[in-house]
PDB file of all heavy atoms in Angstrom:
ATOM      1  N   LEU A   1     135.358 -88.858  91.234  1.00  0.00           N
ATOM      2  CA  LEU A   1     136.154 -88.598  90.060  1.00  0.00           C
ATOM      3  C   LEU A   1     135.397 -88.952  88.806  1.00  0.00           C
ATOM      4  O   LEU A   1     134.618 -89.921  88.783  1.00  0.00           O
ATOM      5  CB  LEU A   1     137.481 -89.379  90.131  1.00  0.00           C
ATOM      6  CG  LEU A   1     138.356 -89.122  91.378  1.00  0.00           C
ATOM      7  CD1 LEU A   1     139.579 -90.033  91.329  1.00  0.00           C
ATOM      8  CD2 LEU A   1     138.767 -87.630  91.427  1.00  0.00           C
ATOM      9  N   PRO A   2     135.552 -88.130  87.728  1.00  0.00           N
ATOM     10  CA  PRO A   2     134.805 -88.396  86.515  1.00  0.00           C
ATOM     11  C   PRO A   2     135.062 -89.801  85.968  1.00  0.00           C
ATOM     12  O   PRO A   2     136.194 -90.241  85.818  1.00  0.00           O
ATOM     13  CB  PRO A   2     135.398 -87.361  85.515  1.00  0.00           C
ATOM     14  CG  PRO A   2     135.948 -86.282  86.435  1.00  0.00           C
ATOM     15  CD  PRO A   2     136.392 -86.952  87.641  1.00  0.00           C
ATOM     16  N   GLY A   3     134.005 -90.511  85.750  1.00  0.00           N
ATOM     17  CA  GLY A   3     134.063 -91.876  85.162  1.00  0.00           C
ATOM     18  C   GLY A   3     134.584 -92.912  86.151  1.00  0.00           C
ATOM     19  O   GLY A   3     134.825 -94.055  85.769  1.00  0.00           O
ATOM     20  N   VAL A   4     134.687 -92.548  87.421  1.00  0.00           N
ATOM     21  CA  VAL A   4     135.185 -93.490  88.442  1.00  0.00           C
ATOM     22  C   VAL A   4     134.117 -93.714  89.499  1.00  0.00           C
ATOM     23  O   VAL A   4     133.745 -92.793  90.243  1.00  0.00           O
ATOM     24  CB  VAL A   4     136.491 -92.927  89.087  1.00  0.00           C
ATOM     25  CG1 VAL A   4     136.934 -93.870  90.207  1.00  0.00           C
ATOM     26  CG2 VAL A   4     137.568 -92.723  88.044  1.00  0.00           C
ATOM     27  N   ASN A   5     133.580 -94.892  89.568  1.00  0.00           N
ATOM     28  CA  ASN A   5     132.493 -95.225  90.508  1.00  0.00           C
ATOM     29  C   ASN A   5     133.029 -95.643  91.845  1.00  0.00           C
ATOM     30  O   ASN A   5     132.856 -96.804  92.293  1.00  0.00           O
ATOM     31  CB  ASN A   5     131.611 -96.320  89.916  1.00  0.00           C
ATOM     32  CG  ASN A   5     130.361 -96.526  90.709  1.00  0.00           C
ATOM     33  OD1 ASN A   5     129.845 -95.595  91.356  1.00  0.00           O
ATOM     34  ND2 ASN A   5     129.847 -97.733  90.705  1.00  0.00           N
ATOM     35  N   VAL A   6     133.689 -94.685  92.501  1.00  0.00           N
ATOM     36  CA  VAL A   6     134.257 -94.951  93.838  1.00  0.00           C
ATOM     37  C   VAL A   6     133.795 -93.845  94.774  1.00  0.00           C
ATOM     38  O   VAL A   6     133.954 -92.655  94.402  1.00  0.00           O
ATOM     39  CB  VAL A   6     135.799 -94.994  93.805  1.00  0.00           C
ATOM     40  CG1 VAL A   6     136.378 -95.309  95.193  1.00  0.00           C
ATOM     41  CG2 VAL A   6     136.280 -96.062  92.830  1.00  0.00           C
ATOM     42  N   PRO A   7     133.231 -94.150  95.937  1.00  0.00           N
ATOM     43  CA  PRO A   7     132.729 -93.137  96.833  1.00  0.00           C
ATOM     44  C   PRO A   7     133.832 -92.288  97.435  1.00  0.00           C
ATOM     45  O   PRO A   7     134.987 -92.704  97.572  1.00  0.00           O
ATOM     46  CB  PRO A   7     131.987 -93.925  97.949  1.00  0.00           C
ATOM     47  CG  PRO A   7     132.693 -95.232  97.937  1.00  0.00           C
ATOM     48  CD  PRO A   7     133.045 -95.517  96.505  1.00  0.00           C
ATOM     49  N   THR A   8     133.518 -91.031  97.732  1.00  0.00           N
ATOM     50  CA  THR A   8     134.464 -90.141  98.427  1.00  0.00           C
ATOM     51  C   THR A   8     134.400 -90.434  99.863  1.00  0.00           C
ATOM     52  O   THR A   8     133.444 -91.001 100.400  1.00  0.00           O
ATOM     53  CB  THR A   8     134.121 -88.660  98.175  1.00  0.00           C
ATOM     54  OG1 THR A   8     132.889 -88.379  98.882  1.00  0.00           O
ATOM     55  CG2 THR A   8     133.920 -88.340  96.690  1.00  0.00           C
ATOM     56  N   LEU A   9     135.474 -90.088 100.607  1.00  0.00           N
ATOM     57  CA  LEU A   9     135.517 -90.259 102.084  1.00  0.00           C
ATOM     58  C   LEU A   9     134.346 -89.487 102.687  1.00  0.00           C
ATOM     59  O   LEU A   9     133.692 -89.929 103.646  1.00  0.00           O
ATOM     60  CB  LEU A   9     136.795 -89.793 102.631  1.00  0.00           C
ATOM     61  CG  LEU A   9     138.026 -90.721 102.333  1.00  0.00           C
ATOM     62  CD1 LEU A   9     139.310 -90.013 102.621  1.00  0.00           C
ATOM     63  CD2 LEU A   9     137.901 -91.999 103.190  1.00  0.00           C
ATOM     64  N   LYS A  10     134.068 -88.314 102.134  1.00  0.00           N
ATOM     65  CA  LYS A  10     132.963 -87.461 102.659  1.00  0.00           C
ATOM     66  C   LYS A  10     131.590 -88.177 102.527  1.00  0.00           C
ATOM     67  O   LYS A  10     130.776 -88.088 103.408  1.00  0.00           O
ATOM     68  CB  LYS A  10     132.929 -86.107 101.953  1.00  0.00           C
ATOM     69  CG  LYS A  10     134.129 -85.211 102.364  1.00  0.00           C
ATOM     70  CD  LYS A  10     133.974 -83.800 101.843  1.00  0.00           C
ATOM     71  CE  LYS A  10     135.028 -82.912 102.444  1.00  0.00           C
ATOM     72  NZ  LYS A  10     134.893 -81.498 102.042  1.00  0.00           N
ATOM     73  N   GLU A  11     131.418 -88.848 101.402  1.00  0.00           N
ATOM     74  CA  GLU A  11     130.183 -89.625 101.203  1.00  0.00           C
ATOM     75  C   GLU A  11     130.040 -90.710 102.293  1.00  0.00           C
ATOM     76  O   GLU A  11     128.910 -91.063 102.710  1.00  0.00           O
ATOM     77  CB  GLU A  11     130.197 -90.357  99.856  1.00  0.00           C
ATOM     78  CG  GLU A  11     129.817 -89.516  98.660  1.00  0.00           C
ATOM     79  CD  GLU A  11     129.843 -90.406  97.394  1.00  0.00           C
ATOM     80  OE1 GLU A  11     128.959 -91.307  97.284  1.00  0.00           O
ATOM     81  OE2 GLU A  11     130.715 -90.195  96.545  1.00  0.00           O
ATOM     82  N   LEU A  12     131.182 -91.238 102.728  1.00  0.00           N
ATOM     83  CA  LEU A  12     131.197 -92.277 103.710  1.00  0.00           C
ATOM     84  C   LEU A  12     131.116 -91.762 105.122  1.00  0.00           C
ATOM     85  O   LEU A  12     131.202 -92.528 106.093  1.00  0.00           O
ATOM     86  CB  LEU A  12     132.413 -93.156 103.520  1.00  0.00           C
ATOM     87  CG  LEU A  12     132.585 -93.808 102.109  1.00  0.00           C
ATOM     88  CD1 LEU A  12     133.920 -94.496 102.006  1.00  0.00           C
ATOM     89  CD2 LEU A  12     131.437 -94.775 101.893  1.00  0.00           C
ATOM     90  N   GLY A  13     130.927 -90.468 105.245  1.00  0.00           N
ATOM     91  CA  GLY A  13     130.787 -89.839 106.587  1.00  0.00           C
ATOM     92  C   GLY A  13     132.106 -89.526 107.259  1.00  0.00           C
ATOM     93  O   GLY A  13     132.163 -89.225 108.460  1.00  0.00           O
ATOM     94  N   ILE A  14     133.245 -89.502 106.470  1.00  0.00           N
ATOM     95  CA  ILE A  14     134.522 -89.172 106.986  1.00  0.00           C
ATOM     96  C   ILE A  14     134.980 -87.872 106.353  1.00  0.00           C
ATOM     97  O   ILE A  14     135.228 -87.827 105.155  1.00  0.00           O
ATOM     98  CB  ILE A  14     135.563 -90.297 106.660  1.00  0.00           C
ATOM     99  CG1 ILE A  14     135.075 -91.639 107.190  1.00  0.00           C
ATOM    100  CG2 ILE A  14     136.950 -89.953 107.290  1.00  0.00           C
ATOM    101  CD1 ILE A  14     135.848 -92.876 106.714  1.00  0.00           C
ATOM    102  N   ASP A  15     135.020 -86.811 107.106  1.00  0.00           N
ATOM    103  CA  ASP A  15     135.191 -85.477 106.561  1.00  0.00           C
ATOM    104  C   ASP A  15     136.695 -85.184 106.220  1.00  0.00           C
ATOM    105  O   ASP A  15     137.355 -84.458 106.944  1.00  0.00           O
ATOM    106  CB  ASP A  15     134.688 -84.423 107.523  1.00  0.00           C
ATOM    107  CG  ASP A  15     134.691 -83.043 106.941  1.00  0.00           C
ATOM    108  OD1 ASP A  15     134.755 -82.912 105.690  1.00  0.00           O
ATOM    109  OD2 ASP A  15     134.644 -82.027 107.731  1.00  0.00           O
ATOM    110  N   VAL A  16     137.188 -85.861 105.221  1.00  0.00           N
ATOM    111  CA  VAL A  16     138.576 -85.746 104.789  1.00  0.00           C
ATOM    112  C   VAL A  16     138.598 -85.492 103.256  1.00  0.00           C
ATOM    113  O   VAL A  16     137.991 -86.211 102.500  1.00  0.00           O
ATOM    114  CB  VAL A  16     139.389 -86.984 105.070  1.00  0.00           C
ATOM    115  CG1 VAL A  16     140.767 -86.958 104.447  1.00  0.00           C
ATOM    116  CG2 VAL A  16     139.515 -87.178 106.593  1.00  0.00           C
ATOM    117  N   GLU A  17     139.380 -84.456 102.879  1.00  0.00           N
ATOM    118  CA  GLU A  17     139.607 -84.165 101.473  1.00  0.00           C
ATOM    119  C   GLU A  17     141.068 -83.674 101.367  1.00  0.00           C
ATOM    120  O   GLU A  17     141.457 -82.753 102.061  1.00  0.00           O
ATOM    121  CB  GLU A  17     138.621 -83.071 100.986  1.00  0.00           C
ATOM    122  CG  GLU A  17     138.926 -82.643  99.570  1.00  0.00           C
ATOM    123  CD  GLU A  17     138.100 -81.426  99.106  1.00  0.00           C
ATOM    124  OE1 GLU A  17     137.177 -81.045  99.801  1.00  0.00           O
ATOM    125  OE2 GLU A  17     138.504 -80.798  98.053  1.00  0.00           O
ATOM    126  N   ILE A  18     141.836 -84.263 100.465  1.00  0.00           N
ATOM    127  CA  ILE A  18     143.224 -83.859 100.251  1.00  0.00           C
ATOM    128  C   ILE A  18     143.659 -84.224  98.883  1.00  0.00           C
ATOM    129  O   ILE A  18     143.317 -85.311  98.371  1.00  0.00           O
ATOM    130  CB  ILE A  18     144.143 -84.514 101.332  1.00  0.00           C
ATOM    131  CG1 ILE A  18     145.552 -83.936 101.184  1.00  0.00           C
ATOM    132  CG2 ILE A  18     144.123 -85.981 101.294  1.00  0.00           C
ATOM    133  CD1 ILE A  18     146.499 -84.378 102.360  1.00  0.00           C
ATOM    134  N   GLY A  19     144.341 -83.302  98.195  1.00  0.00           N
ATOM    135  CA  GLY A  19     144.819 -83.521  96.829  1.00  0.00           C
ATOM    136  C   GLY A  19     146.319 -83.658  96.757  1.00  0.00           C
ATOM    137  O   GLY A  19     147.057 -83.243  97.722  1.00  0.00           O
ATOM    138  N   ASN A  20     146.773 -84.218  95.723  1.00  0.00           N
ATOM    139  CA  ASN A  20     148.190 -84.413  95.466  1.00  0.00           C
ATOM    140  C   ASN A  20     148.606 -83.724  94.198  1.00  0.00           C
ATOM    141  O   ASN A  20     148.322 -84.233  93.101  1.00  0.00           O
ATOM    142  CB  ASN A  20     148.484 -85.959  95.354  1.00  0.00           C
ATOM    143  CG  ASN A  20     149.932 -86.268  95.217  1.00  0.00           C
ATOM    144  OD1 ASN A  20     150.828 -85.436  95.474  1.00  0.00           O
ATOM    145  ND2 ASN A  20     150.244 -87.466  94.790  1.00  0.00           N
ATOM    146  N   TRP A  21     149.310 -82.597  94.311  1.00  0.00           N
ATOM    147  CA  TRP A  21     149.755 -81.872  93.108  1.00  0.00           C
ATOM    148  C   TRP A  21     151.210 -82.180  92.847  1.00  0.00           C
ATOM    149  O   TRP A  21     151.927 -82.575  93.730  1.00  0.00           O
ATOM    150  CB  TRP A  21     149.517 -80.334  93.316  1.00  0.00           C
ATOM    151  CG  TRP A  21     150.227 -79.780  94.491  1.00  0.00           C
ATOM    152  CD1 TRP A  21     149.744 -79.646  95.756  1.00  0.00           C
ATOM    153  CD2 TRP A  21     151.562 -79.284  94.538  1.00  0.00           C
ATOM    154  NE1 TRP A  21     150.696 -79.066  96.579  1.00  0.00           N
ATOM    155  CE2 TRP A  21     151.821 -78.864  95.882  1.00  0.00           C
ATOM    156  CE3 TRP A  21     152.606 -79.140  93.567  1.00  0.00           C
ATOM    157  CZ2 TRP A  21     153.038 -78.305  96.223  1.00  0.00           C
ATOM    158  CZ3 TRP A  21     153.821 -78.605  93.965  1.00  0.00           C
ATOM    159  CH2 TRP A  21     154.022 -78.162  95.280  1.00  0.00           C
ATOM    160  N   ARG A  22     151.624 -81.946  91.569  1.00  0.00           N
ATOM    161  CA  ARG A  22     153.022 -82.202  91.197  1.00  0.00           C
ATOM    162  C   ARG A  22     153.566 -81.013  90.382  1.00  0.00           C
ATOM    163  O   ARG A  22     152.748 -80.387  89.680  1.00  0.00           O
ATOM    164  CB  ARG A  22     153.173 -83.504  90.418  1.00  0.00           C
ATOM    165  CG  ARG A  22     152.739 -84.720  91.254  1.00  0.00           C
ATOM    166  CD  ARG A  22     153.032 -86.038  90.507  1.00  0.00           C
ATOM    167  NE  ARG A  22     152.544 -87.135  91.299  1.00  0.00           N
ATOM    168  CZ  ARG A  22     151.535 -87.936  91.051  1.00  0.00           C
ATOM    169  NH1 ARG A  22     150.861 -87.732  89.957  1.00  0.00           N
ATOM    170  NH2 ARG A  22     151.209 -88.921  91.836  1.00  0.00           N
ATOM    171  N   GLY A  23     154.830 -80.779  90.485  1.00  0.00           N
ATOM    172  CA  GLY A  23     155.421 -79.679  89.720  1.00  0.00           C
ATOM    173  C   GLY A  23     156.897 -79.897  89.486  1.00  0.00           C
ATOM    174  O   GLY A  23     157.360 -81.018  89.666  1.00  0.00           O
ATOM    175  N   VAL A  24     157.589 -78.874  89.005  1.00  0.00           N
ATOM    176  CA  VAL A  24     159.018 -78.995  88.710  1.00  0.00           C
ATOM    177  C   VAL A  24     159.753 -77.792  89.256  1.00  0.00           C
ATOM    178  O   VAL A  24     159.229 -76.647  89.269  1.00  0.00           O
ATOM    179  CB  VAL A  24     159.313 -79.156  87.251  1.00  0.00           C
ATOM    180  CG1 VAL A  24     158.990 -80.572  86.748  1.00  0.00           C
ATOM    181  CG2 VAL A  24     158.624 -78.099  86.382  1.00  0.00           C
ATOM    182  N   TYR A  25     161.015 -78.033  89.742  1.00  0.00           N
ATOM    183  CA  TYR A  25     161.876 -76.970  90.201  1.00  0.00           C
ATOM    184  C   TYR A  25     163.127 -76.974  89.359  1.00  0.00           C
ATOM    185  O   TYR A  25     163.520 -77.994  88.762  1.00  0.00           O
ATOM    186  CB  TYR A  25     162.277 -77.185  91.669  1.00  0.00           C
ATOM    187  CG  TYR A  25     161.413 -76.402  92.676  1.00  0.00           C
ATOM    188  CD1 TYR A  25     160.014 -76.503  92.614  1.00  0.00           C
ATOM    189  CD2 TYR A  25     162.030 -75.655  93.672  1.00  0.00           C
ATOM    190  CE1 TYR A  25     159.271 -75.834  93.529  1.00  0.00           C
ATOM    191  CE2 TYR A  25     161.243 -74.963  94.550  1.00  0.00           C
ATOM    192  CZ  TYR A  25     159.885 -75.021  94.510  1.00  0.00           C
ATOM    193  OH  TYR A  25     159.128 -74.351  95.444  1.00  0.00           O
ATOM    194  N   GLY A  26     163.798 -75.825  89.264  1.00  0.00           N
ATOM    195  CA  GLY A  26     165.088 -75.702  88.647  1.00  0.00           C
ATOM    196  C   GLY A  26     166.202 -75.732  89.686  1.00  0.00           C
ATOM    197  O   GLY A  26     165.938 -75.793  90.882  1.00  0.00           O
ATOM    198  N   ALA A  27     167.412 -75.739  89.212  1.00  0.00           N
ATOM    199  CA  ALA A  27     168.565 -75.845  90.105  1.00  0.00           C
ATOM    200  C   ALA A  27     168.781 -74.612  90.979  1.00  0.00           C
ATOM    201  O   ALA A  27     168.244 -73.509  90.650  1.00  0.00           O
ATOM    202  CB  ALA A  27     169.839 -76.146  89.292  1.00  0.00           C
ATOM    203  N   PRO A  28     169.529 -74.742  92.031  1.00  0.00           N
ATOM    204  CA  PRO A  28     169.882 -73.554  92.869  1.00  0.00           C
ATOM    205  C   PRO A  28     170.788 -72.604  92.088  1.00  0.00           C
ATOM    206  O   PRO A  28     171.548 -73.039  91.201  1.00  0.00           O
ATOM    207  CB  PRO A  28     170.670 -74.147  94.045  1.00  0.00           C
ATOM    208  CG  PRO A  28     170.385 -75.594  94.018  1.00  0.00           C
ATOM    209  CD  PRO A  28     170.122 -75.960  92.587  1.00  0.00           C
ATOM    210  N   GLY A  29     170.625 -71.288  92.319  1.00  0.00           N
ATOM    211  CA  GLY A  29     171.577 -70.335  91.810  1.00  0.00           C
ATOM    212  C   GLY A  29     171.470 -70.045  90.304  1.00  0.00           C
ATOM    213  O   GLY A  29     172.372 -69.428  89.751  1.00  0.00           O
ATOM    214  N   ILE A  30     170.386 -70.412  89.649  1.00  0.00           N
ATOM    215  CA  ILE A  30     170.251 -70.093  88.242  1.00  0.00           C
ATOM    216  C   ILE A  30     169.817 -68.612  88.159  1.00  0.00           C
ATOM    217  O   ILE A  30     169.184 -68.056  89.067  1.00  0.00           O
ATOM    218  CB  ILE A  30     169.317 -71.022  87.500  1.00  0.00           C
ATOM    219  CG1 ILE A  30     167.902 -70.918  88.035  1.00  0.00           C
ATOM    220  CG2 ILE A  30     169.838 -72.441  87.480  1.00  0.00           C
ATOM    221  CD1 ILE A  30     166.899 -71.728  87.220  1.00  0.00           C
ATOM    222  N   SER A  31     170.111 -67.989  86.986  1.00  0.00           N
ATOM    223  CA  SER A  31     169.748 -66.588  86.824  1.00  0.00           C
ATOM    224  C   SER A  31     168.267 -66.517  86.493  1.00  0.00           C
ATOM    225  O   SER A  31     167.576 -67.480  86.157  1.00  0.00           O
ATOM    226  CB  SER A  31     170.566 -66.018  85.644  1.00  0.00           C
ATOM    227  OG  SER A  31     170.150 -66.635  84.396  1.00  0.00           O
ATOM    228  N   GLU A  32     167.771 -65.280  86.594  1.00  0.00           N
ATOM    229  CA  GLU A  32     166.360 -65.032  86.230  1.00  0.00           C
ATOM    230  C   GLU A  32     166.100 -65.364  84.785  1.00  0.00           C
ATOM    231  O   GLU A  32     165.033 -65.882  84.446  1.00  0.00           O
ATOM    232  CB  GLU A  32     165.986 -63.566  86.471  1.00  0.00           C
ATOM    233  CG  GLU A  32     164.495 -63.298  86.413  1.00  0.00           C
ATOM    234  CD  GLU A  32     163.653 -64.093  87.355  1.00  0.00           C
ATOM    235  OE1 GLU A  32     164.122 -64.395  88.487  1.00  0.00           O
ATOM    236  OE2 GLU A  32     162.497 -64.431  86.975  1.00  0.00           O
ATOM    237  N   GLU A  33     167.078 -65.094  83.901  1.00  0.00           N
ATOM    238  CA  GLU A  33     166.914 -65.443  82.506  1.00  0.00           C
ATOM    239  C   GLU A  33     166.813 -66.977  82.279  1.00  0.00           C
ATOM    240  O   GLU A  33     166.047 -67.470  81.488  1.00  0.00           O
ATOM    241  CB  GLU A  33     168.097 -64.872  81.705  1.00  0.00           C
ATOM    242  CG  GLU A  33     168.129 -63.376  81.548  1.00  0.00           C
ATOM    243  CD  GLU A  33     168.577 -62.650  82.773  1.00  0.00           C
ATOM    244  OE1 GLU A  33     169.195 -63.366  83.691  1.00  0.00           O
ATOM    245  OE2 GLU A  33     168.325 -61.435  82.909  1.00  0.00           O
ATOM    246  N   GLN A  34     167.659 -67.686  83.065  1.00  0.00           N
ATOM    247  CA  GLN A  34     167.606 -69.140  82.945  1.00  0.00           C
ATOM    248  C   GLN A  34     166.266 -69.716  83.483  1.00  0.00           C
ATOM    249  O   GLN A  34     165.683 -70.641  82.899  1.00  0.00           O
ATOM    250  CB  GLN A  34     168.768 -69.776  83.751  1.00  0.00           C
ATOM    251  CG  GLN A  34     170.130 -69.586  83.084  1.00  0.00           C
ATOM    252  CD  GLN A  34     171.218 -70.097  84.014  1.00  0.00           C
ATOM    253  OE1 GLN A  34     171.331 -69.740  85.172  1.00  0.00           O
ATOM    254  NE2 GLN A  34     172.179 -70.885  83.429  1.00  0.00           N
TER     255      GLN A  34
END
């Protein structure tokens, strides 16, 4: 990571990469306009 001096799992010989994304949802049954 930029500015972060921490090794990746891949650097350590462990072939794992996974990201955590976040978002937002609206309520059920709202109109297309809403």
